[in-house]
Protein backbone atom coordinates (compact mmCIF):
# COMPACT_ATOMS: atom_id res chain seq x y z
CA UNK A 1 0.00 0.00 0.00
CA UNK A 2 1.49 3.34 -1.07
CA UNK A 3 1.41 6.24 1.43
CA UNK A 4 1.57 9.99 0.79
CA UNK A 5 2.83 12.51 3.37
CA UNK A 6 2.75 16.31 3.12
CA UNK A 7 5.16 18.37 5.25
CA UNK A 8 3.71 21.88 5.44
CA UNK A 9 4.67 25.06 7.31
CA UNK A 10 1.84 26.08 9.62
CA UNK A 11 3.09 29.57 10.55
CA UNK A 12 3.54 30.83 6.99
CA UNK A 13 1.86 33.95 5.57
CA UNK A 14 -0.41 31.81 3.39
CA UNK A 15 -2.16 28.52 3.94
CA UNK A 16 -0.85 25.42 2.17
CA UNK A 17 -3.32 22.93 0.77
CA UNK A 18 -2.62 19.22 1.18
CA UNK A 19 -2.13 18.69 -2.54
CA UNK A 20 0.72 18.26 -5.02
CA UNK A 21 -0.83 21.25 -6.84
CA UNK A 22 -0.33 23.63 -3.88
CA UNK A 23 0.76 27.13 -5.01
CA UNK A 24 4.17 26.73 -3.31
CA UNK A 25 5.14 24.00 -5.80
CA UNK A 26 6.10 21.03 -3.64
CA UNK A 27 8.25 18.45 -5.42
CA UNK A 28 7.68 14.74 -4.76
CA UNK A 29 10.34 12.62 -3.09
CA UNK A 30 9.82 8.88 -3.51
CA UNK A 31 10.39 6.53 -0.55
CA UNK A 32 11.71 3.07 -1.38
CA UNK A 33 11.63 -0.26 0.41
CA UNK A 34 15.34 -0.99 0.50
CA UNK A 35 15.02 -4.76 0.18
CA UNK A 36 13.55 -4.73 -3.33
CA UNK A 37 13.67 -1.03 -4.39
CA UNK A 38 9.88 -0.85 -4.63
CA UNK A 39 8.29 2.59 -4.08
CA UNK A 40 6.24 2.51 -0.87
CA UNK A 41 5.39 6.19 -0.53
CA UNK A 42 5.82 9.81 -1.54
CA UNK A 43 6.79 12.83 0.57
CA UNK A 44 5.78 16.33 -0.54
CA UNK A 45 7.79 19.05 1.25
CA UNK A 46 5.99 22.37 0.89
CA UNK A 47 8.00 25.58 0.51
CA UNK A 48 7.36 28.50 2.90
CA UNK A 49 7.17 32.12 1.73
CA UNK A 50 8.85 33.34 4.94
CA UNK A 51 11.13 31.46 7.38
CA UNK A 52 8.91 29.22 9.49
CA UNK A 53 9.39 27.63 12.89
CA UNK A 54 6.40 25.27 12.95
CA UNK A 55 5.71 22.43 10.54
CA UNK A 56 3.21 19.60 10.40
CA UNK A 57 3.13 16.29 8.58
CA UNK A 58 -0.14 14.84 7.38
PDB file of N, CA and C in Angstrom:
ATOM      1  N   UNK A   1       0.849  -1.178   0.000  1.00  0.00           N
ATOM      2  CA  UNK A   1       0.000   0.000   0.000  1.00  0.00           C
ATOM      3  C   UNK A   1       0.896   1.243   0.000  1.00  0.00           C
ATOM      4  N   UNK A   2       0.682   2.134  -0.924  1.00  0.00           N
ATOM      5  CA  UNK A   2       1.487   3.342  -1.067  1.00  0.00           C
ATOM      6  C   UNK A   2       0.925   4.462  -0.195  1.00  0.00           C
ATOM      7  N   UNK A   3       1.804   5.140   0.543  1.00  0.00           N
ATOM      8  CA  UNK A   3       1.406   6.236   1.431  1.00  0.00           C
ATOM      9  C   UNK A   3       1.898   7.563   0.861  1.00  0.00           C
ATOM     10  N   UNK A   4       1.180   8.644   1.173  1.00  0.00           N
ATOM     11  CA  UNK A   4       1.573   9.992   0.790  1.00  0.00           C
ATOM     12  C   UNK A   4       1.594  10.861   2.037  1.00  0.00           C
ATOM     13  N   UNK A   5       2.691  11.615   2.222  1.00  0.00           N
ATOM     14  CA  UNK A   5       2.831  12.510   3.370  1.00  0.00           C
ATOM     15  C   UNK A   5       3.146  13.902   2.851  1.00  0.00           C
ATOM     16  N   UNK A   6       2.485  14.909   3.439  1.00  0.00           N
ATOM     17  CA  UNK A   6       2.751  16.310   3.119  1.00  0.00           C
ATOM     18  C   UNK A   6       3.369  16.954   4.356  1.00  0.00           C
ATOM     19  N   UNK A   7       4.518  17.609   4.178  1.00  0.00           N
ATOM     20  CA  UNK A   7       5.157  18.370   5.249  1.00  0.00           C
ATOM     21  C   UNK A   7       4.949  19.835   4.912  1.00  0.00           C
ATOM     22  N   UNK A   8       4.128  20.505   5.749  1.00  0.00           N
ATOM     23  CA  UNK A   8       3.708  21.880   5.444  1.00  0.00           C
ATOM     24  C   UNK A   8       4.050  22.827   6.585  1.00  0.00           C
ATOM     25  N   UNK A   9       4.470  24.062   6.264  1.00  0.00           N
ATOM     26  CA  UNK A   9       4.666  25.063   7.310  1.00  0.00           C
ATOM     27  C   UNK A   9       3.299  25.546   7.798  1.00  0.00           C
ATOM     28  N   UNK A  10       3.146  25.645   9.104  1.00  0.00           N
ATOM     29  CA  UNK A  10       1.835  26.083   9.623  1.00  0.00           C
ATOM     30  C   UNK A  10       1.853  27.532  10.094  1.00  0.00           C
ATOM     31  N   UNK A  11       3.051  28.158  10.149  1.00  0.00           N
ATOM     32  CA  UNK A  11       3.087  29.568  10.549  1.00  0.00           C
ATOM     33  C   UNK A  11       3.564  30.453   9.390  1.00  0.00           C
ATOM     34  N   UNK A  12       3.187  30.071   8.178  1.00  0.00           N
ATOM     35  CA  UNK A  12       3.535  30.835   6.991  1.00  0.00           C
ATOM     36  C   UNK A  12       2.504  31.941   6.771  1.00  0.00           C
ATOM     37  N   UNK A  13       2.791  32.860   5.877  1.00  0.00           N
ATOM     38  CA  UNK A  13       1.860  33.948   5.566  1.00  0.00           C
ATOM     39  C   UNK A  13       0.613  33.461   4.846  1.00  0.00           C
ATOM     40  N   UNK A  14       0.735  32.357   4.123  1.00  0.00           N
ATOM     41  CA  UNK A  14      -0.408  31.807   3.388  1.00  0.00           C
ATOM     42  C   UNK A  14      -0.647  30.376   3.852  1.00  0.00           C
ATOM     43  N   UNK A  15      -1.856  29.901   3.640  1.00  0.00           N
ATOM     44  CA  UNK A  15      -2.163  28.515   3.943  1.00  0.00           C
ATOM     45  C   UNK A  15      -1.676  27.607   2.818  1.00  0.00           C
ATOM     46  N   UNK A  16      -1.312  26.396   3.159  1.00  0.00           N
ATOM     47  CA  UNK A  16      -0.849  25.422   2.171  1.00  0.00           C
ATOM     48  C   UNK A  16      -1.858  24.285   2.114  1.00  0.00           C
ATOM     49  N   UNK A  17      -2.357  24.019   0.920  1.00  0.00           N
ATOM     50  CA  UNK A  17      -3.325  22.929   0.773  1.00  0.00           C
ATOM     51  C   UNK A  17      -2.578  21.593   0.706  1.00  0.00           C
ATOM     52  N   UNK A  18      -3.205  20.567   1.184  1.00  0.00           N
ATOM     53  CA  UNK A  18      -2.625  19.219   1.180  1.00  0.00           C
ATOM     54  C   UNK A  18      -2.810  18.603  -0.203  1.00  0.00           C
ATOM     55  N   UNK A  19      -1.997  19.096  -1.147  1.00  0.00           N
ATOM     56  CA  UNK A  19      -2.134  18.687  -2.537  1.00  0.00           C
ATOM     57  C   UNK A  19      -0.809  18.894  -3.254  1.00  0.00           C
ATOM     58  N   UNK A  20      -0.471  18.025  -4.207  1.00  0.00           N
ATOM     59  CA  UNK A  20       0.720  18.260  -5.018  1.00  0.00           C
ATOM     60  C   UNK A  20       0.605  19.527  -5.868  1.00  0.00           C
ATOM     61  N   UNK A  21      -0.604  20.046  -6.050  1.00  0.00           N
ATOM     62  CA  UNK A  21      -0.828  21.252  -6.843  1.00  0.00           C
ATOM     63  C   UNK A  21      -0.845  22.522  -5.991  1.00  0.00           C
ATOM     64  N   UNK A  22      -0.374  22.457  -4.758  1.00  0.00           N
ATOM     65  CA  UNK A  22      -0.325  23.632  -3.876  1.00  0.00           C
ATOM     66  C   UNK A  22       0.473  24.738  -4.581  1.00  0.00           C
ATOM     67  N   UNK A  23       0.109  25.993  -4.343  1.00  0.00           N
ATOM     68  CA  UNK A  23       0.759  27.129  -5.006  1.00  0.00           C
ATOM     69  C   UNK A  23       2.253  27.227  -4.725  1.00  0.00           C
ATOM     70  N   UNK A  24       2.741  26.638  -3.646  1.00  0.00           N
ATOM     71  CA  UNK A  24       4.168  26.725  -3.307  1.00  0.00           C
ATOM     72  C   UNK A  24       5.025  25.780  -4.149  1.00  0.00           C
ATOM     73  N   UNK A  25       4.406  24.888  -4.893  1.00  0.00           N
ATOM     74  CA  UNK A  25       5.139  24.004  -5.803  1.00  0.00           C
ATOM     75  C   UNK A  25       5.946  22.902  -5.144  1.00  0.00           C
ATOM     76  N   UNK A  26       5.326  22.098  -4.275  1.00  0.00           N
ATOM     77  CA  UNK A  26       6.097  21.028  -3.636  1.00  0.00           C
ATOM     78  C   UNK A  26       6.524  19.964  -4.647  1.00  0.00           C
ATOM     79  N   UNK A  27       7.746  19.498  -4.524  1.00  0.00           N
ATOM     80  CA  UNK A  27       8.249  18.446  -5.416  1.00  0.00           C
ATOM     81  C   UNK A  27       8.163  17.100  -4.697  1.00  0.00           C
ATOM     82  N   UNK A  28       7.785  16.054  -5.408  1.00  0.00           N
ATOM     83  CA  UNK A  28       7.679  14.740  -4.765  1.00  0.00           C
ATOM     84  C   UNK A  28       9.046  14.116  -4.520  1.00  0.00           C
ATOM     85  N   UNK A  29       9.156  13.412  -3.406  1.00  0.00           N
ATOM     86  CA  UNK A  29      10.341  12.622  -3.091  1.00  0.00           C
ATOM     87  C   UNK A  29       9.855  11.199  -2.829  1.00  0.00           C
ATOM     88  N   UNK A  30      10.259  10.260  -3.651  1.00  0.00           N
ATOM     89  CA  UNK A  30       9.818   8.879  -3.512  1.00  0.00           C
ATOM     90  C   UNK A  30      10.537   8.191  -2.345  1.00  0.00           C
ATOM     91  N   UNK A  31       9.828   7.316  -1.650  1.00  0.00           N
ATOM     92  CA  UNK A  31      10.386   6.530  -0.549  1.00  0.00           C
ATOM     93  C   UNK A  31      10.386   5.078  -1.002  1.00  0.00           C
ATOM     94  N   UNK A  32      11.549   4.435  -0.869  1.00  0.00           N
ATOM     95  CA  UNK A  32      11.712   3.073  -1.378  1.00  0.00           C
ATOM     96  C   UNK A  32      11.877   2.068  -0.244  1.00  0.00           C
ATOM     97  N   UNK A  33      11.386   0.865  -0.468  1.00  0.00           N
ATOM     98  CA  UNK A  33      11.628  -0.257   0.407  1.00  0.00           C
ATOM     99  C   UNK A  33      12.991  -0.808  -0.003  1.00  0.00           C
ATOM    100  N   UNK A  34      13.968  -0.693   0.861  1.00  0.00           N
ATOM    101  CA  UNK A  34      15.341  -0.988   0.496  1.00  0.00           C
ATOM    102  C   UNK A  34      15.556  -2.426   0.021  1.00  0.00           C
ATOM    103  N   UNK A  35      14.811  -3.349   0.542  1.00  0.00           N
ATOM    104  CA  UNK A  35      15.021  -4.756   0.183  1.00  0.00           C
ATOM    105  C   UNK A  35      14.816  -5.035  -1.305  1.00  0.00           C
ATOM    106  N   UNK A  36      13.799  -4.437  -1.914  1.00  0.00           N
ATOM    107  CA  UNK A  36      13.548  -4.728  -3.330  1.00  0.00           C
ATOM    108  C   UNK A  36      13.372  -3.478  -4.197  1.00  0.00           C
ATOM    109  N   UNK A  37      13.719  -2.305  -3.662  1.00  0.00           N
ATOM    110  CA  UNK A  37      13.670  -1.034  -4.386  1.00  0.00           C
ATOM    111  C   UNK A  37      12.285  -0.683  -4.923  1.00  0.00           C
ATOM    112  N   UNK A  38      11.257  -1.184  -4.266  1.00  0.00           N
ATOM    113  CA  UNK A  38       9.877  -0.855  -4.633  1.00  0.00           C
ATOM    114  C   UNK A  38       9.467   0.452  -3.942  1.00  0.00           C
ATOM    115  N   UNK A  39       8.768   1.328  -4.661  1.00  0.00           N
ATOM    116  CA  UNK A  39       8.289   2.589  -4.082  1.00  0.00           C
ATOM    117  C   UNK A  39       7.148   2.282  -3.122  1.00  0.00           C
ATOM    118  N   UNK A  40       7.291   2.750  -1.861  1.00  0.00           N
ATOM    119  CA  UNK A  40       6.240   2.506  -0.867  1.00  0.00           C
ATOM    120  C   UNK A  40       5.530   3.786  -0.449  1.00  0.00           C
ATOM    121  N   UNK A  41       6.037   4.951  -0.896  1.00  0.00           N
ATOM    122  CA  UNK A  41       5.386   6.193  -0.533  1.00  0.00           C
ATOM    123  C   UNK A  41       5.996   7.394  -1.220  1.00  0.00           C
ATOM    124  N   UNK A  42       5.369   8.536  -0.975  1.00  0.00           N
ATOM    125  CA  UNK A  42       5.824   9.809  -1.538  1.00  0.00           C
ATOM    126  C   UNK A  42       5.731  10.875  -0.460  1.00  0.00           C
ATOM    127  N   UNK A  43       6.779  11.702  -0.360  1.00  0.00           N
ATOM    128  CA  UNK A  43       6.789  12.829   0.570  1.00  0.00           C
ATOM    129  C   UNK A  43       6.776  14.116  -0.251  1.00  0.00           C
ATOM    130  N   UNK A  44       5.836  15.009   0.079  1.00  0.00           N
ATOM    131  CA  UNK A  44       5.783  16.333  -0.537  1.00  0.00           C
ATOM    132  C   UNK A  44       6.197  17.346   0.527  1.00  0.00           C
ATOM    133  N   UNK A  45       7.321  18.023   0.328  1.00  0.00           N
ATOM    134  CA  UNK A  45       7.793  19.055   1.251  1.00  0.00           C
ATOM    135  C   UNK A  45       7.401  20.408   0.667  1.00  0.00           C
ATOM    136  N   UNK A  46       6.491  21.089   1.360  1.00  0.00           N
ATOM    137  CA  UNK A  46       5.986  22.373   0.892  1.00  0.00           C
ATOM    138  C   UNK A  46       6.991  23.478   1.233  1.00  0.00           C
ATOM    139  N   UNK A  47       7.034  24.502   0.376  1.00  0.00           N
ATOM    140  CA  UNK A  47       7.999  25.584   0.505  1.00  0.00           C
ATOM    141  C   UNK A  47       7.349  26.808   1.152  1.00  0.00           C
ATOM    142  N   UNK A  48       7.929  27.321   2.246  1.00  0.00           N
ATOM    143  CA  UNK A  48       7.355  28.503   2.895  1.00  0.00           C
ATOM    144  C   UNK A  48       7.722  29.789   2.152  1.00  0.00           C
ATOM    145  N   UNK A  49       6.878  30.813   2.303  1.00  0.00           N
ATOM    146  CA  UNK A  49       7.166  32.122   1.733  1.00  0.00           C
ATOM    147  C   UNK A  49       8.077  32.934   2.649  1.00  0.00           C
ATOM    148  N   UNK A  50       8.000  32.686   3.940  1.00  0.00           N
ATOM    149  CA  UNK A  50       8.850  33.336   4.941  1.00  0.00           C
ATOM    150  C   UNK A  50       9.456  32.229   5.808  1.00  0.00           C
ATOM    151  N   UNK A  51      10.575  32.484   6.490  1.00  0.00           N
ATOM    152  CA  UNK A  51      11.134  31.456   7.380  1.00  0.00           C
ATOM    153  C   UNK A  51      10.102  31.037   8.427  1.00  0.00           C
ATOM    154  N   UNK A  52       9.920  29.742   8.575  1.00  0.00           N
ATOM    155  CA  UNK A  52       8.906  29.219   9.489  1.00  0.00           C
ATOM    156  C   UNK A  52       9.558  28.385  10.596  1.00  0.00           C
ATOM    157  N   UNK A  53       8.906  28.384  11.740  1.00  0.00           N
ATOM    158  CA  UNK A  53       9.388  27.633  12.892  1.00  0.00           C
ATOM    159  C   UNK A  53       8.539  26.388  13.159  1.00  0.00           C
ATOM    160  N   UNK A  54       7.311  26.377  12.669  1.00  0.00           N
ATOM    161  CA  UNK A  54       6.401  25.271  12.954  1.00  0.00           C
ATOM    162  C   UNK A  54       5.979  24.577  11.667  1.00  0.00           C
ATOM    163  N   UNK A  55       6.059  23.260  11.699  1.00  0.00           N
ATOM    164  CA  UNK A  55       5.714  22.431  10.544  1.00  0.00           C
ATOM    165  C   UNK A  55       4.807  21.301  11.006  1.00  0.00           C
ATOM    166  N   UNK A  56       4.036  20.759  10.078  1.00  0.00           N
ATOM    167  CA  UNK A  56       3.212  19.596  10.396  1.00  0.00           C
ATOM    168  C   UNK A  56       3.290  18.606   9.255  1.00  0.00           C
ATOM    169  N   UNK A  57       3.157  17.347   9.584  1.00  0.00           N
ATOM    170  CA  UNK A  57       3.133  16.289   8.583  1.00  0.00           C
ATOM    171  C   UNK A  57       1.744  15.665   8.622  1.00  0.00           C
ATOM    172  N   UNK A  58       1.188  15.440   7.452  1.00  0.00           N
ATOM    173  CA  UNK A  58      -0.142  14.836   7.377  1.00  0.00           C
ATOM    174  C   UNK A  58      -0.220  13.941   6.168  1.00  0.00           C
TER     175      UNK A  58
END
